[in-house]
N, C-alpha and C. Protein backbone atom coordinates (compact mmCIF):
# COMPACT_ATOMS: atom_id res chain seq x y z
N UNK A 1 0.62 -23.68 2.40
CA UNK A 1 -0.11 -22.46 2.08
C UNK A 1 -1.11 -22.40 3.22
N UNK A 2 -1.64 -21.20 3.49
CA UNK A 2 -2.89 -20.99 4.43
C UNK A 2 -3.74 -20.18 3.75
N UNK A 3 -5.02 -20.04 4.45
CA UNK A 3 -6.29 -19.37 3.85
C UNK A 3 -5.82 -17.82 3.66
N UNK A 4 -4.85 -17.44 4.58
CA UNK A 4 -4.19 -15.89 4.62
C UNK A 4 -3.50 -15.81 3.27
N UNK A 5 -2.62 -16.93 2.94
CA UNK A 5 -1.82 -16.86 1.97
C UNK A 5 -2.86 -16.55 0.51
N UNK A 6 -3.77 -17.40 0.53
CA UNK A 6 -4.78 -17.09 -0.47
C UNK A 6 -5.30 -15.88 -0.62
N UNK A 7 -6.01 -15.23 0.53
CA UNK A 7 -6.29 -14.15 0.43
C UNK A 7 -5.32 -12.90 0.13
N UNK A 8 -3.88 -13.16 0.17
CA UNK A 8 -2.73 -12.26 -0.31
C UNK A 8 -2.73 -12.37 -1.76
N UNK A 9 -2.79 -13.76 -2.07
CA UNK A 9 -2.23 -13.74 -3.35
C UNK A 9 -3.53 -13.23 -4.58
N UNK A 10 -4.75 -13.61 -4.01
CA UNK A 10 -5.76 -13.24 -4.71
C UNK A 10 -6.33 -11.71 -4.53
N UNK A 11 -5.59 -11.09 -3.59
CA UNK A 11 -6.01 -9.81 -3.26
C UNK A 11 -7.72 -9.68 -2.85
N UNK A 12 -7.90 -10.62 -2.11
CA UNK A 12 -9.22 -10.94 -1.77
C UNK A 12 -9.68 -10.14 -0.37
N UNK A 13 -10.90 -10.18 -0.12
CA UNK A 13 -11.48 -9.47 0.83
C UNK A 13 -12.35 -10.66 1.56
N UNK A 14 -11.98 -10.60 3.05
CA UNK A 14 -12.54 -11.56 3.74
C UNK A 14 -14.25 -11.04 4.12
N UNK A 15 -15.15 -12.18 3.79
CA UNK A 15 -16.13 -11.72 4.26
C UNK A 15 -16.83 -12.30 5.61
N UNK A 16 -16.13 -13.38 5.88
CA UNK A 16 -16.59 -14.17 7.23
C UNK A 16 -15.34 -15.33 7.24
N UNK A 17 -15.04 -15.41 8.43
CA UNK A 17 -13.94 -16.57 9.10
C UNK A 17 -12.55 -15.64 9.28
N UNK A 18 -12.44 -14.59 9.36
CA UNK A 18 -11.25 -13.78 9.50
C UNK A 18 -10.36 -14.39 10.53
N UNK A 19 -11.00 -14.80 11.54
CA UNK A 19 -10.13 -15.84 12.68
C UNK A 19 -9.66 -17.02 12.17
N UNK A 20 -10.02 -17.47 11.23
CA UNK A 20 -9.87 -18.87 10.62
C UNK A 20 -8.66 -18.69 9.56
N UNK A 21 -8.12 -17.67 9.36
CA UNK A 21 -7.06 -17.49 8.22
C UNK A 21 -5.96 -18.39 8.21
N UNK A 22 -5.63 -18.69 9.31
CA UNK A 22 -4.35 -19.54 9.66
C UNK A 22 -4.51 -20.87 9.18
N UNK A 23 -5.78 -21.33 8.86
CA UNK A 23 -6.33 -22.58 8.20
C UNK A 23 -5.40 -23.14 7.07
N UNK A 24 -4.70 -24.41 7.08
CA UNK A 24 -3.89 -24.70 6.25
C UNK A 24 -4.83 -25.11 5.07
N UNK A 25 -4.30 -24.83 3.70
CA UNK A 25 -4.95 -25.54 2.43
C UNK A 25 -4.15 -25.98 1.67
N UNK A 26 -4.47 -27.09 1.02
CA UNK A 26 -3.52 -27.85 0.59
C UNK A 26 -3.75 -28.15 -1.20
N UNK A 27 -5.11 -27.74 -1.58
CA UNK A 27 -5.25 -27.83 -2.93
C UNK A 27 -6.73 -26.98 -3.22
N UNK A 28 -6.92 -26.75 -4.37
CA UNK A 28 -8.13 -25.96 -5.09
C UNK A 28 -8.82 -26.44 -6.17
N UNK A 29 -10.11 -26.20 -6.25
CA UNK A 29 -10.72 -26.57 -7.62
C UNK A 29 -11.44 -25.26 -8.02
N UNK A 30 -11.86 -25.04 -9.06
CA UNK A 30 -12.70 -24.13 -9.65
C UNK A 30 -13.50 -24.40 -10.38
N UNK A 31 -15.06 -23.97 -10.22
CA UNK A 31 -15.91 -24.39 -10.94
C UNK A 31 -17.28 -23.58 -10.48
N UNK A 32 -18.29 -23.54 -11.37
CA UNK A 32 -19.56 -22.52 -11.38
C UNK A 32 -20.43 -23.75 -11.11
N UNK A 33 -20.26 -24.98 -11.59
CA UNK A 33 -21.23 -26.06 -11.84
C UNK A 33 -20.82 -26.84 -10.28
N UNK A 34 -21.72 -26.75 -9.36
CA UNK A 34 -21.67 -27.68 -8.17
C UNK A 34 -21.77 -29.15 -8.44
N UNK A 35 -22.36 -29.54 -9.41
CA UNK A 35 -22.35 -30.96 -9.69
C UNK A 35 -21.00 -31.45 -10.22
N UNK A 36 -20.17 -30.56 -10.64
CA UNK A 36 -18.81 -31.07 -11.18
C UNK A 36 -18.11 -31.18 -9.86
N UNK A 37 -18.15 -30.25 -8.97
CA UNK A 37 -17.47 -30.17 -7.62
C UNK A 37 -17.83 -31.33 -6.92
N UNK A 38 -19.04 -31.85 -6.82
CA UNK A 38 -19.51 -33.08 -6.25
C UNK A 38 -19.00 -34.16 -6.78
N UNK A 39 -18.78 -34.39 -8.27
CA UNK A 39 -18.28 -35.53 -8.82
C UNK A 39 -16.84 -35.55 -9.02
N UNK A 40 -16.28 -34.32 -9.08
CA UNK A 40 -14.64 -34.58 -9.23
C UNK A 40 -13.85 -34.04 -8.18
N UNK A 41 -14.47 -33.16 -7.36
CA UNK A 41 -13.42 -32.49 -6.18
C UNK A 41 -13.27 -33.58 -5.03
N UNK A 42 -11.94 -33.81 -4.97
CA UNK A 42 -11.60 -34.83 -3.75
C UNK A 42 -10.51 -34.28 -2.88
N UNK A 43 -10.58 -34.04 -1.73
CA UNK A 43 -9.38 -33.55 -1.01
C UNK A 43 -9.05 -32.09 -1.33
N UNK A 44 -10.14 -31.44 -1.74
CA UNK A 44 -9.81 -30.03 -1.82
C UNK A 44 -9.99 -28.93 -0.60
N UNK A 45 -9.41 -28.12 -0.52
CA UNK A 45 -9.52 -27.23 0.72
C UNK A 45 -10.21 -25.98 0.17
N UNK A 46 -9.88 -25.43 -0.89
CA UNK A 46 -10.44 -24.17 -1.41
C UNK A 46 -11.44 -24.15 -2.81
N UNK A 47 -12.52 -23.75 -2.77
CA UNK A 47 -13.27 -23.79 -3.92
C UNK A 47 -13.47 -22.28 -4.52
N UNK A 48 -13.02 -22.28 -5.84
CA UNK A 48 -13.27 -20.88 -6.57
C UNK A 48 -14.42 -20.87 -7.23
N UNK A 49 -15.42 -20.10 -7.36
CA UNK A 49 -16.70 -20.08 -8.00
C UNK A 49 -17.30 -18.95 -8.10
N UNK A 50 -17.83 -18.53 -9.11
CA UNK A 50 -18.85 -17.57 -9.30
C UNK A 50 -20.24 -17.80 -8.86
N UNK A 51 -20.44 -18.68 -8.53
CA UNK A 51 -22.03 -19.13 -8.12
C UNK A 51 -21.87 -18.88 -6.50
N UNK A 52 -22.69 -17.60 -6.19
CA UNK A 52 -22.80 -17.19 -5.01
C UNK A 52 -23.89 -17.29 -4.01
N UNK A 53 -24.52 -18.44 -4.21
CA UNK A 53 -25.79 -18.84 -3.60
C UNK A 53 -25.75 -20.15 -2.33
N UNK A 54 -26.68 -20.28 -1.64
CA UNK A 54 -26.62 -21.22 -0.69
C UNK A 54 -26.09 -22.65 -1.24
N UNK A 55 -26.26 -22.95 -2.36
CA UNK A 55 -25.76 -24.30 -3.14
C UNK A 55 -24.42 -24.38 -2.95
N UNK A 56 -23.60 -23.28 -3.04
CA UNK A 56 -22.28 -23.32 -2.99
C UNK A 56 -21.83 -23.63 -1.53
N UNK A 57 -22.52 -23.14 -0.37
CA UNK A 57 -22.13 -23.59 0.97
C UNK A 57 -22.41 -24.82 1.32
N UNK A 58 -23.60 -25.30 0.66
CA UNK A 58 -24.08 -26.82 1.01
C UNK A 58 -23.03 -27.76 0.32
N UNK A 59 -22.67 -27.50 -1.09
CA UNK A 59 -21.67 -28.16 -1.80
C UNK A 59 -20.38 -28.30 -0.93
N UNK A 60 -19.67 -27.05 -0.73
CA UNK A 60 -18.51 -27.09 -0.02
C UNK A 60 -18.48 -27.87 1.54
N UNK A 61 -19.78 -27.92 2.12
CA UNK A 61 -19.85 -28.44 3.39
C UNK A 61 -19.89 -29.91 3.07
N UNK A 62 -20.55 -30.60 2.06
CA UNK A 62 -20.61 -31.93 1.69
C UNK A 62 -19.33 -32.50 1.52
N UNK A 63 -18.26 -31.57 0.94
CA UNK A 63 -17.14 -31.80 0.30
C UNK A 63 -16.16 -31.88 1.28
N UNK A 64 -16.25 -31.10 2.52
CA UNK A 64 -15.47 -30.71 3.75
C UNK A 64 -14.42 -29.55 3.14
N UNK A 65 -14.82 -28.74 2.38
CA UNK A 65 -14.12 -27.76 1.83
C UNK A 65 -14.40 -26.40 2.71
N UNK A 66 -13.07 -25.82 3.17
CA UNK A 66 -13.41 -24.86 4.26
C UNK A 66 -13.21 -23.36 3.82
N UNK A 67 -12.82 -23.15 2.64
CA UNK A 67 -12.51 -21.63 2.08
C UNK A 67 -13.25 -21.79 0.58
N UNK A 68 -14.05 -20.71 0.49
CA UNK A 68 -14.76 -20.44 -0.70
C UNK A 68 -14.33 -19.02 -1.28
N UNK A 69 -13.72 -18.64 -2.39
CA UNK A 69 -13.54 -17.83 -3.00
C UNK A 69 -14.56 -17.45 -4.19
N UNK A 70 -15.33 -16.18 -3.84
CA UNK A 70 -16.16 -15.88 -5.00
C UNK A 70 -15.30 -15.06 -6.04
N UNK A 71 -15.43 -15.42 -7.31
CA UNK A 71 -14.69 -14.63 -8.35
C UNK A 71 -15.57 -13.40 -9.05
N UNK A 72 -14.75 -12.64 -9.80
CA UNK A 72 -15.23 -11.59 -10.61
C UNK A 72 -15.93 -10.53 -9.62
N UNK A 73 -15.43 -10.40 -8.38
CA UNK A 73 -16.10 -9.55 -7.61
C UNK A 73 -17.33 -9.56 -6.99
N UNK A 74 -17.90 -10.88 -7.22
CA UNK A 74 -19.27 -11.28 -6.83
C UNK A 74 -19.18 -11.22 -5.17
N UNK A 75 -20.30 -10.96 -4.48
CA UNK A 75 -20.64 -10.82 -3.23
C UNK A 75 -21.96 -11.64 -2.73
N UNK A 76 -21.85 -12.68 -2.12
CA UNK A 76 -23.07 -13.28 -1.76
C UNK A 76 -24.03 -12.45 -0.84
N UNK A 77 -25.50 -12.74 -0.73
CA UNK A 77 -26.17 -11.99 0.18
C UNK A 77 -25.81 -12.59 1.52
N UNK A 78 -26.63 -11.62 2.43
CA UNK A 78 -25.97 -11.75 3.88
C UNK A 78 -26.52 -13.23 4.36
N UNK A 79 -27.61 -13.83 3.96
CA UNK A 79 -27.93 -14.93 4.43
C UNK A 79 -27.09 -16.28 3.98
N UNK A 80 -26.30 -16.06 2.82
CA UNK A 80 -25.29 -16.89 2.63
C UNK A 80 -24.12 -17.01 3.30
N UNK A 81 -23.81 -15.45 3.44
CA UNK A 81 -22.64 -15.31 4.58
C UNK A 81 -23.02 -15.92 5.89
N UNK A 82 -23.83 -15.85 6.32
CA UNK A 82 -24.34 -16.35 7.74
C UNK A 82 -24.29 -17.81 7.78
N UNK A 83 -24.88 -18.46 6.69
CA UNK A 83 -24.71 -19.70 6.49
C UNK A 83 -23.32 -20.22 6.78
N UNK A 84 -22.50 -19.65 5.90
CA UNK A 84 -20.97 -19.98 6.05
C UNK A 84 -20.35 -19.92 7.47
N UNK A 85 -20.90 -18.80 7.95
CA UNK A 85 -20.21 -18.35 9.41
C UNK A 85 -20.86 -19.34 10.32
N UNK A 86 -22.09 -20.02 10.28
CA UNK A 86 -22.49 -20.83 11.20
C UNK A 86 -21.81 -22.31 10.91
N UNK A 87 -21.10 -22.48 9.80
CA UNK A 87 -20.52 -23.62 9.24
C UNK A 87 -19.03 -23.51 9.64
N UNK A 88 -18.39 -22.28 10.25
CA UNK A 88 -17.06 -22.21 10.38
C UNK A 88 -16.41 -22.18 9.01
N UNK A 89 -16.69 -21.59 7.96
CA UNK A 89 -16.22 -21.45 6.75
C UNK A 89 -15.51 -20.18 6.56
N UNK A 90 -14.53 -20.28 5.74
CA UNK A 90 -13.89 -18.79 5.31
C UNK A 90 -14.54 -18.46 3.97
N UNK A 91 -15.10 -17.36 3.98
CA UNK A 91 -15.68 -16.75 2.65
C UNK A 91 -14.78 -15.44 2.35
N UNK A 92 -14.34 -15.51 1.18
CA UNK A 92 -13.60 -14.38 0.36
C UNK A 92 -14.31 -14.11 -0.86
N UNK A 93 -13.96 -12.72 -1.33
CA UNK A 93 -14.26 -12.43 -2.71
C UNK A 93 -13.03 -11.79 -3.27
N UNK A 94 -12.77 -11.96 -4.67
CA UNK A 94 -11.71 -11.41 -5.45
C UNK A 94 -12.38 -10.70 -6.75
N UNK A 95 -11.77 -9.82 -7.08
CA UNK A 95 -11.89 -9.31 -8.39
C UNK A 95 -11.38 -9.85 -9.58
N UNK A 96 -10.53 -10.97 -9.45
CA UNK A 96 -10.02 -11.64 -10.47
C UNK A 96 -10.98 -12.59 -11.07
N UNK A 97 -10.73 -13.08 -12.31
CA UNK A 97 -11.55 -14.00 -12.80
C UNK A 97 -11.17 -15.43 -12.63
N UNK A 98 -12.06 -16.44 -13.07
CA UNK A 98 -11.73 -17.87 -12.57
C UNK A 98 -10.35 -18.00 -13.06
N UNK A 99 -10.04 -17.83 -14.26
CA UNK A 99 -8.67 -18.17 -14.82
C UNK A 99 -7.47 -18.02 -14.39
N UNK A 100 -7.55 -16.55 -13.94
CA UNK A 100 -6.48 -15.94 -13.24
C UNK A 100 -6.13 -16.24 -12.03
N UNK A 101 -7.44 -16.44 -11.19
CA UNK A 101 -7.39 -16.87 -9.65
C UNK A 101 -6.70 -18.16 -9.58
N UNK A 102 -7.26 -19.02 -10.49
CA UNK A 102 -6.74 -20.60 -10.45
C UNK A 102 -5.03 -20.41 -10.88
N UNK A 103 -4.65 -19.62 -11.63
CA UNK A 103 -3.49 -19.53 -12.02
C UNK A 103 -2.50 -18.82 -11.03
N UNK A 104 -2.97 -17.95 -10.53
CA UNK A 104 -2.16 -17.19 -9.34
C UNK A 104 -2.06 -18.43 -8.28
N UNK A 105 -3.00 -18.93 -8.07
CA UNK A 105 -2.79 -19.70 -6.93
C UNK A 105 -1.88 -21.27 -7.19
N UNK A 106 -1.77 -21.63 -8.40
CA UNK A 106 -1.06 -22.64 -8.90
C UNK A 106 0.46 -22.16 -9.00
N UNK A 107 0.54 -21.01 -9.50
CA UNK A 107 1.98 -20.39 -9.55
C UNK A 107 2.62 -20.16 -8.19
N UNK A 108 1.62 -20.14 -7.06
CA UNK A 108 2.08 -19.77 -5.65
C UNK A 108 2.37 -21.13 -5.22
N UNK A 109 1.94 -22.14 -5.80
CA UNK A 109 2.14 -23.48 -5.07
C UNK A 109 0.84 -24.45 -4.67
N UNK A 110 -0.25 -23.92 -4.99
CA UNK A 110 -1.22 -24.67 -4.56
C UNK A 110 -1.63 -25.38 -5.67
N UNK A 111 -1.85 -26.84 -5.61
CA UNK A 111 -2.06 -27.67 -6.78
C UNK A 111 -3.62 -28.08 -6.40
N UNK A 112 -3.78 -29.14 -7.67
CA UNK A 112 -5.30 -29.26 -7.71
C UNK A 112 -5.69 -30.50 -7.21
N UNK A 113 -4.76 -31.16 -6.52
CA UNK A 113 -5.13 -32.34 -5.67
C UNK A 113 -5.23 -33.61 -6.27
N UNK A 114 -5.58 -34.68 -6.04
CA UNK A 114 -5.78 -35.83 -6.61
C UNK A 114 -7.00 -35.96 -7.48
N UNK A 115 -6.93 -36.82 -8.43
CA UNK A 115 -8.31 -37.02 -9.19
C UNK A 115 -8.76 -38.24 -9.23
C-alpha cells in the first residue's frame, strides 16, 4: 500500500508531502498519547492521531514514521505543517474518527505491525 492509497481510503486531504505520496506504507498505529507511540510502536509507517501539535511530529521523527493522518477533521497550525515539510513527512487530515480510520485501513490490508 502507498500513502496515496491511505489518502484515498480515508478521503483525506494532504497538507504537505504531496510529492511523496508514492511512499510505501506497511503498517499503522493509532493513538493520541505520544508516550504510547514511543513505547509500543515498532516499524509503523503511518500514525493516526488527534494530537496535532509539534509533539506528534517529533514523535513520528523519532520512530521513523513518514505519514501522519490527523483524524476528526483536525488541522495543525502552520508551524506544525512546516516542521513536517522540513522533515519530508506526509501530513494528511481526515474527517473520520480514530476507530473508523483504523478499521478502514485494516480492512484495506494495512496491518498493525509487530508487537
